Amino acid sequence: MFETKLFCLLFPRITRKMSTSSNNVIIEKIGQITTIGINRPERRNCVDFNTATLIKDAIQGFEEDDTSCAAVLYGTGGNFCSGFDLNELVDLDKNKDLENVFKNGFMGISSKYVKKPMVAAINGYAVAEGLELALMCDLRVMEETAVVGFYGRRFGIPLTDGAAVRLQAMLGLSR
């Protein structure tokens, strides 16, 4: 939890923690900064439907909190987010869940535009839907050894949450 320790050093007197109903997402309030951590290190922080809902709720809570002016999105255990948990697709209810996927994308949250500033603290892997989460943020800060990419395209897995549009808008067509 390097990010949390850094904020605690910067703002030692105004740190208080908040909790979620699941250990998959860690929410902490440090002064006016909200930190949202993806906590599935045993799966390289890949996101399942439940974790995606928790992240969405955390971001919505951050937006509604008038005392919080910015947020940091990070991953625990050495990786930012390795994308969507493909094991979830095995148990997918083809009628109900697939309709939700087509309507909202696999995670639904990375196509959202957040009104307050968000920073992605990228370490380890930020691939596929994980990179889409990072692109949702206003600023991305990366370790030198971080790896980013849309590797699922090699296997025909589509980008579902608008990352192709965001990446092109950020980098331009020539890059």
Protein backbone atom coordinates (compact mmCIF):
# COMPACT_ATOMS: atom_id res chain seq x y z
CA MET A 1 0.00 0.00 0.00
CA PHE A 2 2.71 2.40 -1.09
CA GLU A 3 0.15 4.97 -2.21
CA THR A 4 -1.55 5.04 1.19
CA LYS A 5 1.75 5.33 3.02
CA LEU A 6 2.76 8.21 0.75
CA PHE A 7 -0.46 10.09 1.50
CA CYS A 8 -0.07 9.37 5.22
CA LEU A 9 3.37 10.96 5.09
CA LEU A 10 2.03 13.98 3.24
CA PHE A 11 -1.11 14.36 5.36
CA PRO A 12 -0.34 12.73 8.73
CA ARG A 13 -2.97 14.49 10.83
CA ILE A 14 -5.98 14.05 8.60
CA THR A 15 -6.05 10.35 7.82
CA ARG A 16 -9.18 8.30 8.42
CA LYS A 17 -10.17 5.01 6.90
CA MET A 18 -13.44 3.93 5.35
CA SER A 19 -14.34 0.34 4.64
CA THR A 20 -16.30 -1.62 2.05
CA SER A 21 -18.45 -4.67 2.46
CA SER A 22 -15.88 -6.74 0.57
CA ASN A 23 -12.14 -7.14 0.72
CA ASN A 24 -11.98 -6.93 -3.09
CA VAL A 25 -12.05 -3.12 -2.97
CA ILE A 26 -10.34 -0.98 -0.34
CA ILE A 27 -11.61 2.57 0.14
CA GLU A 28 -9.69 5.00 2.31
CA LYS A 29 -10.28 8.68 2.91
CA ILE A 30 -7.09 10.62 3.56
CA GLY A 31 -8.01 14.23 4.12
CA GLN A 32 -9.65 15.37 0.91
CA ILE A 33 -8.21 12.45 -1.07
CA THR A 34 -10.11 9.20 -1.58
CA THR A 35 -8.06 6.12 -2.44
CA ILE A 36 -9.75 3.19 -4.15
CA GLY A 37 -7.74 -0.02 -4.22
CA ILE A 38 -8.43 -3.16 -6.24
CA ASN A 39 -7.57 -5.97 -3.84
CA ARG A 40 -7.47 -9.32 -5.64
CA PRO A 41 -3.70 -9.89 -5.71
CA GLU A 42 -4.07 -13.67 -6.03
CA ARG A 43 -5.67 -13.02 -9.47
CA ARG A 44 -3.40 -10.06 -10.37
CA ASN A 45 -6.34 -7.80 -9.55
CA CYS A 46 -8.47 -9.00 -12.42
CA VAL A 47 -12.01 -7.74 -11.94
CA ASP A 48 -15.09 -9.94 -11.74
CA PHE A 49 -18.67 -8.66 -11.93
CA ASN A 50 -18.88 -8.24 -8.13
CA THR A 51 -15.62 -6.29 -7.92
CA ALA A 52 -16.67 -4.12 -10.88
CA THR A 53 -19.85 -3.23 -9.01
CA LEU A 54 -17.85 -2.40 -5.88
CA ILE A 55 -15.48 -0.15 -7.87
CA LYS A 56 -18.43 1.56 -9.54
CA ASP A 57 -20.07 2.14 -6.14
CA ALA A 58 -16.78 3.46 -4.71
CA ILE A 59 -16.38 5.93 -7.59
CA GLN A 60 -20.00 7.01 -7.26
CA GLY A 61 -19.50 7.51 -3.51
CA PHE A 62 -16.39 9.57 -4.23
CA GLU A 63 -18.31 11.76 -6.67
CA GLU A 64 -21.11 12.33 -4.16
CA ASP A 65 -18.73 13.13 -1.29
CA ASP A 66 -18.45 16.92 -1.08
CA THR A 67 -15.43 16.67 1.24
CA SER A 68 -13.35 14.69 -1.26
CA CYS A 69 -11.69 16.63 -4.06
CA ALA A 70 -9.64 13.91 -5.84
CA ALA A 71 -9.22 10.14 -5.93
CA VAL A 72 -6.39 7.69 -6.54
CA LEU A 73 -7.20 4.33 -8.13
CA TYR A 74 -4.56 1.65 -7.50
CA GLY A 75 -4.01 -2.08 -7.33
CA THR A 76 -2.56 -4.08 -4.44
CA GLY A 77 0.01 -6.85 -4.56
CA GLY A 78 2.19 -5.48 -7.34
CA ASN A 79 -0.36 -5.13 -10.17
CA PHE A 80 -2.81 -2.40 -11.10
CA CYS A 81 -5.38 -4.59 -12.87
CA SER A 82 -4.95 -7.50 -15.26
CA GLY A 83 -8.34 -6.98 -16.87
CA PHE A 84 -11.62 -8.80 -16.56
CA ASP A 85 -11.70 -12.21 -14.88
CA LEU A 86 -12.39 -14.50 -17.83
CA ASN A 87 -13.44 -17.28 -15.45
CA GLU A 88 -16.61 -15.23 -14.94
CA LEU A 89 -17.56 -15.88 -18.56
CA VAL A 90 -17.78 -19.62 -17.91
CA ASP A 91 -20.70 -19.11 -15.53
CA LEU A 92 -22.28 -16.32 -17.54
CA ASP A 93 -26.06 -16.49 -17.77
CA LYS A 94 -26.28 -16.05 -21.52
CA ASN A 95 -29.55 -14.14 -21.46
CA LYS A 96 -29.34 -11.92 -18.38
CA ASP A 97 -25.61 -11.26 -17.98
CA LEU A 98 -24.78 -11.01 -21.68
CA GLU A 99 -27.41 -8.31 -22.13
CA ASN A 100 -25.77 -6.36 -19.30
CA VAL A 101 -22.32 -6.83 -20.87
CA PHE A 102 -23.50 -5.47 -24.23
CA LYS A 103 -25.29 -2.58 -22.55
CA ASN A 104 -22.59 -1.56 -20.03
CA GLY A 105 -19.40 -3.31 -21.11
CA PHE A 106 -17.69 -5.93 -18.98
CA MET A 107 -16.99 -3.48 -16.19
CA GLY A 108 -19.38 -0.72 -17.13
CA ILE A 109 -17.45 1.78 -15.06
CA SER A 110 -14.54 2.46 -17.37
CA SER A 111 -16.80 4.08 -19.96
CA LYS A 112 -18.03 6.51 -17.30
CA TYR A 113 -16.83 10.09 -17.17
CA VAL A 114 -16.02 11.10 -13.62
CA LYS A 115 -16.60 14.75 -12.74
CA LYS A 116 -13.82 15.00 -10.13
CA PRO A 117 -10.14 14.38 -10.85
CA MET A 118 -8.91 10.79 -10.61
CA VAL A 119 -5.34 9.51 -10.76
CA ALA A 120 -4.41 5.96 -11.74
CA ALA A 121 -1.34 4.76 -9.81
CA ILE A 122 -0.12 2.02 -12.16
CA ASN A 123 2.25 -0.68 -11.05
CA GLY A 124 2.81 -4.13 -12.54
CA TYR A 125 0.22 -4.99 -15.18
CA ALA A 126 -2.51 -2.68 -16.45
CA VAL A 127 -3.83 -4.67 -19.38
CA ALA A 128 -7.13 -5.10 -21.20
CA GLU A 129 -9.97 -3.79 -19.01
CA GLY A 130 -7.32 -2.74 -16.48
CA LEU A 131 -5.90 -0.29 -19.01
CA GLU A 132 -9.43 0.84 -19.76
CA LEU A 133 -9.81 1.68 -16.05
CA ALA A 134 -6.55 3.64 -16.16
CA LEU A 135 -7.69 5.53 -19.28
CA MET A 136 -10.87 6.51 -17.43
CA CYS A 137 -8.73 8.51 -15.00
CA ASP A 138 -7.55 12.06 -15.68
CA LEU A 139 -3.90 11.31 -14.95
CA ARG A 140 -1.85 8.12 -15.01
CA VAL A 141 1.31 7.73 -12.92
CA MET A 142 3.34 4.61 -13.74
CA GLU A 143 6.26 2.73 -12.30
CA GLU A 144 9.11 2.34 -14.77
CA THR A 145 8.53 -1.42 -14.85
CA ALA A 146 4.75 -1.23 -15.43
CA VAL A 147 3.29 -3.01 -18.46
CA VAL A 148 0.25 -1.68 -20.32
CA GLY A 149 -1.56 -3.03 -23.35
CA PHE A 150 -4.62 -4.51 -24.98
CA TYR A 151 -3.29 -8.03 -25.44
CA GLY A 152 -6.73 -9.60 -25.73
CA ARG A 153 -7.00 -8.17 -29.24
CA ARG A 154 -4.57 -10.90 -30.34
CA PHE A 155 -7.23 -13.46 -29.45
CA GLY A 156 -10.24 -11.58 -30.79
CA ILE A 157 -11.42 -10.20 -27.45
CA PRO A 158 -12.96 -6.79 -28.17
CA LEU A 159 -12.47 -3.54 -26.30
CA THR A 160 -15.86 -2.96 -24.75
CA ASP A 161 -15.71 0.15 -22.63
CA GLY A 162 -14.61 2.89 -25.02
CA ALA A 163 -10.85 2.62 -24.53
CA ALA A 164 -10.07 2.70 -28.25
CA VAL A 165 -11.79 6.07 -28.53
CA ARG A 166 -10.13 7.45 -25.37
CA LEU A 167 -6.66 6.23 -26.29
CA GLN A 168 -6.89 7.70 -29.78
CA ALA A 169 -8.15 11.00 -28.35
CA MET A 170 -5.22 11.13 -25.92
CA LEU A 171 -2.45 10.08 -28.30
CA GLY A 172 -3.74 11.11 -31.70
CA LEU A 173 -4.08 9.03 -34.85
CA SER A 174 -0.41 9.18 -35.82
CA ARG A 175 0.86 7.35 -32.74
